[in-house]
C-alpha atoms as a PDB file:
ATOM      1  CA  UNK A   1      -0.489 -73.395 161.855  1.00  0.00           C
ATOM      2  CA  UNK A   2       2.631 -73.088 159.833  1.00  0.00           C
ATOM      3  CA  UNK A   3       4.220 -75.778 162.006  1.00  0.00           C
ATOM      4  CA  UNK A   4       1.248 -78.037 161.308  1.00  0.00           C
ATOM      5  CA  UNK A   5       1.552 -77.694 157.586  1.00  0.00           C
ATOM      6  CA  UNK A   6       5.284 -78.005 157.732  1.00  0.00           C
ATOM      7  CA  UNK A   7       4.873 -81.380 159.630  1.00  0.00           C
ATOM      8  CA  UNK A   8       2.417 -82.575 157.055  1.00  0.00           C
ATOM      9  CA  UNK A   9       4.742 -81.572 154.155  1.00  0.00           C
ATOM     10  CA  UNK A  10       7.609 -83.374 155.744  1.00  0.00           C
ATOM     11  CA  UNK A  11       5.483 -86.451 156.381  1.00  0.00           C
ATOM     12  CA  UNK A  12       4.294 -86.569 152.773  1.00  0.00           C
ATOM     13  CA  UNK A  13       7.920 -86.118 151.532  1.00  0.00           C
ATOM     14  CA  UNK A  14       9.228 -88.973 153.361  1.00  0.00           C
ATOM     15  CA  UNK A  15       6.182 -91.100 152.607  1.00  0.00           C
ATOM     16  CA  UNK A  16       6.734 -90.342 148.910  1.00  0.00           C
ATOM     17  CA  UNK A  17      10.384 -91.416 148.831  1.00  0.00           C
ATOM     18  CA  UNK A  18      10.143 -94.486 151.075  1.00  0.00           C
ATOM     19  CA  UNK A  19       8.844 -96.742 148.301  1.00  0.00           C
ATOM     20  CA  UNK A  20      11.899 -95.843 146.205  1.00  0.00           C
ATOM     21  CA  UNK A  21      14.191 -97.202 148.929  1.00  0.00           C
ATOM     22  CA  UNK A  22      12.877-100.703 148.649  1.00  0.00           C
ATOM     23  CA  UNK A  23      11.688-102.387 145.430  1.00  0.00           C
ATOM     24  CA  UNK A  24       8.098-103.576 145.455  1.00  0.00           C
ATOM     25  CA  UNK A  25       7.653-107.385 145.828  1.00  0.00           C
ATOM     26  CA  UNK A  26       6.966-107.845 142.144  1.00  0.00           C
ATOM     27  CA  UNK A  27      10.231-106.254 141.126  1.00  0.00           C
ATOM     28  CA  UNK A  28      12.161-108.284 143.790  1.00  0.00           C
ATOM     29  CA  UNK A  29      10.746-111.452 142.354  1.00  0.00           C
ATOM     30  CA  UNK A  30      11.804-110.322 138.938  1.00  0.00           C
ATOM     31  CA  UNK A  31      15.312-109.447 140.038  1.00  0.00           C
ATOM     32  CA  UNK A  32      15.706-112.737 141.925  1.00  0.00           C
ATOM     33  CA  UNK A  33      14.660-114.663 138.759  1.00  0.00           C
ATOM     34  CA  UNK A  34      16.976-112.645 136.607  1.00  0.00           C
ATOM     35  CA  UNK A  35      19.929-113.382 138.887  1.00  0.00           C
ATOM     36  CA  UNK A  36      19.156-117.151 138.923  1.00  0.00           C
ATOM     37  CA  UNK A  37      18.782-117.278 135.094  1.00  0.00           C
ATOM     38  CA  UNK A  38      22.060-115.333 134.614  1.00  0.00           C
ATOM     39  CA  UNK A  39      23.912-117.836 136.801  1.00  0.00           C
ATOM     40  CA  UNK A  40      22.346-120.766 134.916  1.00  0.00           C
ATOM     41  CA  UNK A  41      23.209-119.238 131.514  1.00  0.00           C
ATOM     42  CA  UNK A  42      26.806-118.323 132.490  1.00  0.00           C
ATOM     43  CA  UNK A  43      27.363-121.781 133.862  1.00  0.00           C
ATOM     44  CA  UNK A  44      26.050-123.408 130.558  1.00  0.00           C
ATOM     45  CA  UNK A  45      28.149-121.063 128.337  1.00  0.00           C
ATOM     46  CA  UNK A  46      31.300-121.782 130.253  1.00  0.00           C
ATOM     47  CA  UNK A  47      31.337-125.357 128.853  1.00  0.00           C
ATOM     48  CA  UNK A  48      33.042-126.019 125.580  1.00  0.00           C
ATOM     49  CA  UNK A  49      30.346-128.469 124.668  1.00  0.00           C
ATOM     50  CA  UNK A  50      27.457-130.522 126.178  1.00  0.00           C
ATOM     51  CA  UNK A  51      25.736-133.786 125.705  1.00  0.00           C
ATOM     52  CA  UNK A  52      22.290-134.047 127.257  1.00  0.00           C
ATOM     53  CA  UNK A  53      19.921-136.974 127.496  1.00  0.00           C
ATOM     54  CA  UNK A  54      16.382-135.918 128.145  1.00  0.00           C
ATOM     55  CA  UNK A  55      12.749-136.882 128.093  1.00  0.00           C
ATOM     56  CA  UNK A  56      10.330-134.907 125.912  1.00  0.00           C
ATOM     57  CA  UNK A  57       6.623-134.920 127.051  1.00  0.00           C
ATOM     58  CA  UNK A  58       3.648-133.462 125.265  1.00  0.00           C
ATOM     59  CA  UNK A  59       0.378-132.990 127.135  1.00  0.00           C
ATOM     60  CA  UNK A  60      -3.059-131.546 126.480  1.00  0.00           C
ATOM     61  CA  UNK A  61      -5.861-132.516 128.774  1.00  0.00           C
ATOM     62  CA  UNK A  62      -8.685-131.158 126.744  1.00  0.00           C
ATOM     63  CA  UNK A  63      -7.579-133.219 123.806  1.00  0.00           C
ATOM     64  CA  UNK A  64      -6.593-136.204 126.015  1.00  0.00           C
ATOM     65  CA  UNK A  65      -3.041-136.205 124.645  1.00  0.00           C
ATOM     66  CA  UNK A  66      -0.046-137.352 126.616  1.00  0.00           C
ATOM     67  CA  UNK A  67       3.059-138.577 124.759  1.00  0.00           C
ATOM     68  CA  UNK A  68       6.627-139.005 125.910  1.00  0.00           C
ATOM     69  CA  UNK A  69       9.781-139.900 124.091  1.00  0.00           C
ATOM     70  CA  UNK A  70      13.473-139.965 124.741  1.00  0.00           C
ATOM     71  CA  UNK A  71      15.908-137.530 123.159  1.00  0.00           C
ATOM     72  CA  UNK A  72      19.583-136.569 122.976  1.00  0.00           C
ATOM     73  CA  UNK A  73      21.241-133.176 122.431  1.00  0.00           C
ATOM     74  CA  UNK A  74      24.780-132.344 121.336  1.00  0.00           C
ATOM     75  CA  UNK A  75      25.622-128.644 121.551  1.00  0.00           C
ATOM     76  CA  UNK A  76      28.730-126.444 121.037  1.00  0.00           C
ATOM     77  CA  UNK A  77      28.149-122.733 121.271  1.00  0.00           C
ATOM     78  CA  UNK A  78      25.132-121.830 118.967  1.00  0.00           C
ATOM     79  CA  UNK A  79      25.466-125.158 117.014  1.00  0.00           C
ATOM     80  CA  UNK A  80      23.386-128.191 118.013  1.00  0.00           C
ATOM     81  CA  UNK A  81      22.253-131.590 116.875  1.00  0.00           C
ATOM     82  CA  UNK A  82      19.105-133.097 118.593  1.00  0.00           C
ATOM     83  CA  UNK A  83      17.167-136.271 118.161  1.00  0.00           C
ATOM     84  CA  UNK A  84      13.668-136.592 119.487  1.00  0.00           C
ATOM     85  CA  UNK A  85      12.146-139.875 118.713  1.00  0.00           C
ATOM     86  CA  UNK A  86      12.717-140.381 114.981  1.00  0.00           C
ATOM     87  CA  UNK A  87      13.103-136.726 114.268  1.00  0.00           C
ATOM     88  CA  UNK A  88      16.281-134.674 113.982  1.00  0.00           C
ATOM     89  CA  UNK A  89      16.871-130.890 114.494  1.00  0.00           C
ATOM     90  CA  UNK A  90      20.326-129.682 113.410  1.00  0.00           C
ATOM     91  CA  UNK A  91      21.916-126.228 113.345  1.00  0.00           C
ATOM     92  CA  UNK A  92      25.322-124.842 112.319  1.00  0.00           C
ATOM     93  CA  UNK A  93      24.533-121.606 114.005  1.00  0.00           C
ATOM     94  CA  UNK A  94      23.168-119.986 110.870  1.00  0.00           C
ATOM     95  CA  UNK A  95      20.807-122.605 109.322  1.00  0.00           C
ATOM     96  CA  UNK A  96      18.390-124.911 111.000  1.00  0.00           C
ATOM     97  CA  UNK A  97      17.332-128.306 109.511  1.00  0.00           C
ATOM     98  CA  UNK A  98      14.250-129.992 110.898  1.00  0.00           C
ATOM     99  CA  UNK A  99      14.031-133.549 109.599  1.00  0.00           C
ATOM    100  CA  UNK A 100      10.601-135.154 110.141  1.00  0.00           C
ATOM    101  CA  UNK A 101      11.019-138.863 109.494  1.00  0.00           C
ATOM    102  CA  UNK A 102       7.309-139.823 109.286  1.00  0.00           C
ATOM    103  CA  UNK A 103       6.618-137.174 106.600  1.00  0.00           C
ATOM    104  CA  UNK A 104       9.967-137.731 104.863  1.00  0.00           C
ATOM    105  CA  UNK A 105      10.517-133.931 104.927  1.00  0.00           C
ATOM    106  CA  UNK A 106      13.257-131.622 105.932  1.00  0.00           C
ATOM    107  CA  UNK A 107      12.464-128.007 106.677  1.00  0.00           C
ATOM    108  CA  UNK A 108      15.367-125.531 106.190  1.00  0.00           C
ATOM    109  CA  UNK A 109      15.086-122.128 107.996  1.00  0.00           C
ATOM    110  CA  UNK A 110      17.409-119.447 109.345  1.00  0.00           C
ATOM    111  CA  UNK A 111      18.564-119.831 112.991  1.00  0.00           C
ATOM    112  CA  UNK A 112      17.916-116.111 113.633  1.00  0.00           C
ATOM    113  CA  UNK A 113      14.273-116.629 113.038  1.00  0.00           C
ATOM    114  CA  UNK A 114      13.837-119.703 115.181  1.00  0.00           C
ATOM    115  CA  UNK A 115      11.990-119.089 118.368  1.00  0.00           C
ATOM    116  CA  UNK A 116      13.435-119.920 121.829  1.00  0.00           C
ATOM    117  CA  UNK A 117      12.850-123.300 123.321  1.00  0.00           C
ATOM    118  CA  UNK A 118      13.935-125.290 120.232  1.00  0.00           C
ATOM    119  CA  UNK A 119      16.223-127.350 122.437  1.00  0.00           C
ATOM    120  CA  UNK A 120      16.256-128.092 126.173  1.00  0.00           C
ATOM    121  CA  UNK A 121      18.811-125.356 126.855  1.00  0.00           C
ATOM    122  CA  UNK A 122      18.120-122.692 124.242  1.00  0.00           C
ATOM    123  CA  UNK A 123      15.783-120.834 126.504  1.00  0.00           C
ATOM    124  CA  UNK A 124      18.848-119.827 128.548  1.00  0.00           C
ATOM    125  CA  UNK A 125      20.718-118.219 125.695  1.00  0.00           C
ATOM    126  CA  UNK A 126      19.113-114.853 125.212  1.00  0.00           C
ATOM    127  CA  UNK A 127      16.462-114.751 127.904  1.00  0.00           C
ATOM    128  CA  UNK A 128      17.384-111.264 128.944  1.00  0.00           C
ATOM    129  CA  UNK A 129      16.501-109.752 125.547  1.00  0.00           C
ATOM    130  CA  UNK A 130      13.552-111.914 124.813  1.00  0.00           C
ATOM    131  CA  UNK A 131      11.661-112.461 128.084  1.00  0.00           C
ATOM    132  CA  UNK A 132      10.438-111.075 131.357  1.00  0.00           C
ATOM    133  CA  UNK A 133      11.263-113.399 134.111  1.00  0.00           C
ATOM    134  CA  UNK A 134       9.682-113.857 137.586  1.00  0.00           C
ATOM    135  CA  UNK A 135      10.545-116.107 140.476  1.00  0.00           C
ATOM    136  CA  UNK A 136       7.469-118.241 141.428  1.00  0.00           C
ATOM    137  CA  UNK A 137       8.472-120.478 144.223  1.00  0.00           C
ATOM    138  CA  UNK A 138      10.901-123.257 145.498  1.00  0.00           C
ATOM    139  CA  UNK A 139       9.589-126.778 145.436  1.00  0.00           C
ATOM    140  CA  UNK A 140      10.671-130.395 145.533  1.00  0.00           C
ATOM    141  CA  UNK A 141      11.020-132.184 142.305  1.00  0.00           C
ATOM    142  CA  UNK A 142      11.963-135.870 142.278  1.00  0.00           C
ATOM    143  CA  UNK A 143      13.938-135.408 145.503  1.00  0.00           C
ATOM    144  CA  UNK A 144      15.641-132.173 144.474  1.00  0.00           C
ATOM    145  CA  UNK A 145      14.971-128.656 145.650  1.00  0.00           C
ATOM    146  CA  UNK A 146      14.306-126.572 142.512  1.00  0.00           C
ATOM    147  CA  UNK A 147      13.652-122.897 141.898  1.00  0.00           C
ATOM    148  CA  UNK A 148      10.668-122.287 139.601  1.00  0.00           C
ATOM    149  CA  UNK A 149      10.937-119.343 137.253  1.00  0.00           C
ATOM    150  CA  UNK A 150       8.395-118.205 134.634  1.00  0.00           C
ATOM    151  CA  UNK A 151       9.475-116.441 131.421  1.00  0.00           C
ATOM    152  CA  UNK A 152       6.899-114.387 129.379  1.00  0.00           C
ATOM    153  CA  UNK A 153       7.981-113.338 125.828  1.00  0.00           C
ATOM    154  CA  UNK A 154       8.338-109.602 125.289  1.00  0.00           C
ATOM    155  CA  UNK A 155       6.859-109.957 121.779  1.00  0.00           C
ATOM    156  CA  UNK A 156       4.178-112.229 120.131  1.00  0.00           C
ATOM    157  CA  UNK A 157       5.383-115.775 120.344  1.00  0.00           C
ATOM    158  CA  UNK A 158       4.157-119.317 119.552  1.00  0.00           C
ATOM    159  CA  UNK A 159       4.179-119.999 123.312  1.00  0.00           C
ATOM    160  CA  UNK A 160       2.732-117.427 125.795  1.00  0.00           C
ATOM    161  CA  UNK A 161       4.862-118.638 128.707  1.00  0.00           C
ATOM    162  CA  UNK A 162       7.959-120.872 129.580  1.00  0.00           C
ATOM    163  CA  UNK A 163       8.632-122.431 133.038  1.00  0.00           C
ATOM    164  CA  UNK A 164      12.133-123.171 134.037  1.00  0.00           C
ATOM    165  CA  UNK A 165      13.242-125.267 136.980  1.00  0.00           C
ATOM    166  CA  UNK A 166      16.759-124.696 138.328  1.00  0.00           C
ATOM    167  CA  UNK A 167      18.542-126.782 140.985  1.00  0.00           C
ATOM    168  CA  UNK A 168      18.573-124.630 144.106  1.00  0.00           C
ATOM    169  CA  UNK A 169      22.123-125.617 144.945  1.00  0.00           C
ATOM    170  CA  UNK A 170      23.899-124.679 141.691  1.00  0.00           C
ATOM    171  CA  UNK A 171      21.212-123.264 139.331  1.00  0.00           C
ATOM    172  CA  UNK A 172      21.762-126.223 136.928  1.00  0.00           C
ATOM    173  CA  UNK A 173      18.809-126.736 134.568  1.00  0.00           C
ATOM    174  CA  UNK A 174      16.375-129.477 135.672  1.00  0.00           C
ATOM    175  CA  UNK A 175      13.578-129.005 133.169  1.00  0.00           C
ATOM    176  CA  UNK A 176      11.866-126.474 130.873  1.00  0.00           C
ATOM    177  CA  UNK A 177       8.133-126.337 129.988  1.00  0.00           C
ATOM    178  CA  UNK A 178       6.406-124.412 127.163  1.00  0.00           C
ATOM    179  CA  UNK A 179       2.806-123.457 127.314  1.00  0.00           C
ATOM    180  CA  UNK A 180       0.749-122.913 124.115  1.00  0.00           C
ATOM    181  CA  UNK A 181      -2.555-121.123 123.722  1.00  0.00           C
ATOM    182  CA  UNK A 182      -4.565-124.280 123.260  1.00  0.00           C
ATOM    183  CA  UNK A 183      -3.860-125.855 126.602  1.00  0.00           C
ATOM    184  CA  UNK A 184      -0.799-127.787 125.474  1.00  0.00           C
ATOM    185  CA  UNK A 185       2.516-128.104 127.431  1.00  0.00           C
ATOM    186  CA  UNK A 186       5.893-129.287 126.079  1.00  0.00           C
ATOM    187  CA  UNK A 187       8.463-130.392 128.615  1.00  0.00           C
ATOM    188  CA  UNK A 188      12.137-131.246 128.407  1.00  0.00           C
ATOM    189  CA  UNK A 189      13.332-133.039 131.555  1.00  0.00           C
ATOM    190  CA  UNK A 190      17.115-133.414 131.764  1.00  0.00           C
ATOM    191  CA  UNK A 191      18.018-137.044 132.590  1.00  0.00           C
ATOM    192  CA  UNK A 192      21.809-136.877 132.096  1.00  0.00           C
ATOM    193  CA  UNK A 193      24.240-134.025 131.564  1.00  0.00           C
ATOM    194  CA  UNK A 194      27.770-134.441 130.271  1.00  0.00           C
ATOM    195  CA  UNK A 195      29.956-131.319 129.719  1.00  0.00           C
ATOM    196  CA  UNK A 196      33.044-130.783 127.600  1.00  0.00           C
ATOM    197  CA  UNK A 197      32.851-133.822 125.426  1.00  0.00           C
ATOM    198  CA  UNK A 198      34.356-134.148 121.888  1.00  0.00           C
ATOM    199  CA  UNK A 199      31.807-133.711 119.028  1.00  0.00           C
ATOM    200  CA  UNK A 200      32.647-134.208 115.322  1.00  0.00           C
ATOM    201  CA  UNK A 201      32.307-131.073 113.277  1.00  0.00           C
ATOM    202  CA  UNK A 202      30.008-132.665 110.735  1.00  0.00           C
ATOM    203  CA  UNK A 203      27.535-133.361 113.497  1.00  0.00           C
ATOM    204  CA  UNK A 204      26.078-129.863 113.019  1.00  0.00           C
ATOM    205  CA  UNK A 205      25.061-130.080 109.399  1.00  0.00           C
ATOM    206  CA  UNK A 206      22.392-132.066 107.447  1.00  0.00           C
ATOM    207  CA  UNK A 207      23.728-134.406 104.780  1.00  0.00           C
ATOM    208  CA  UNK A 208      21.073-134.485 102.167  1.00  0.00           C
ATOM    209  CA  UNK A 209      22.765-137.311 100.371  1.00  0.00           C
ATOM    210  CA  UNK A 210      22.072-139.578 103.297  1.00  0.00           C
ATOM    211  CA  UNK A 211      18.245-139.220 102.801  1.00  0.00           C
ATOM    212  CA  UNK A 212      17.681-139.775  99.029  1.00  0.00           C
ATOM    213  CA  UNK A 213      13.868-139.788  99.314  1.00  0.00           C
ATOM    214  CA  UNK A 214      13.511-136.685 101.528  1.00  0.00           C
ATOM    215  CA  UNK A 215      11.441-133.683 100.319  1.00  0.00           C
ATOM    216  CA  UNK A 216      13.262-130.427 100.906  1.00  0.00           C
ATOM    217  CA  UNK A 217      11.133-127.451 102.041  1.00  0.00           C
ATOM    218  CA  UNK A 218      13.251-124.414 102.056  1.00  0.00           C
ATOM    219  CA  UNK A 219      11.732-121.610 104.267  1.00  0.00           C
ATOM    220  CA  UNK A 220      14.625-119.168 104.127  1.00  0.00           C
END
């Protein structure tokens, strides 16, 4: 009888520790995604500067909305200048200016309070602190094999999920997609990527004198 219970105890002991020897599938998918995102982030940060031409697409099936416009981004470290259609979004790393041409307004806010996803590449900057990542699948996108990764914010956020597509060969960013809580999606698709270009320093500030009729809305 003692031998029987000893055998049961040993079996339960090994059964209990076996799961610790191999991470469950969920955790393996998270670790895979984290590694891919780290590689993509490190590759981007290694460049002195970048110029990105992209297509920005907004969709909402329930509201029958689908709009696309071309854009361009210049970035150097945490500074950026981005044009999307007739609008401009500029940051010197501390302040963000959002110029909306149709409204003739410029909204001024602090960069530290600007949520991720403002530019095509900003989702890569602090993903480890702000999001939980999970590898979803590998698929073909316009002739390229890409790794699909979902990012879910750790804290309340304007978007409940981001989807990132990375080239499976080098983890270069292919597109990012943000999902809002009303069925809307907002996608940046990278059309052309140019690293290490020269960018004038004044590119990363908003010159109010060039917009004499603009209304300034300071949110700082």
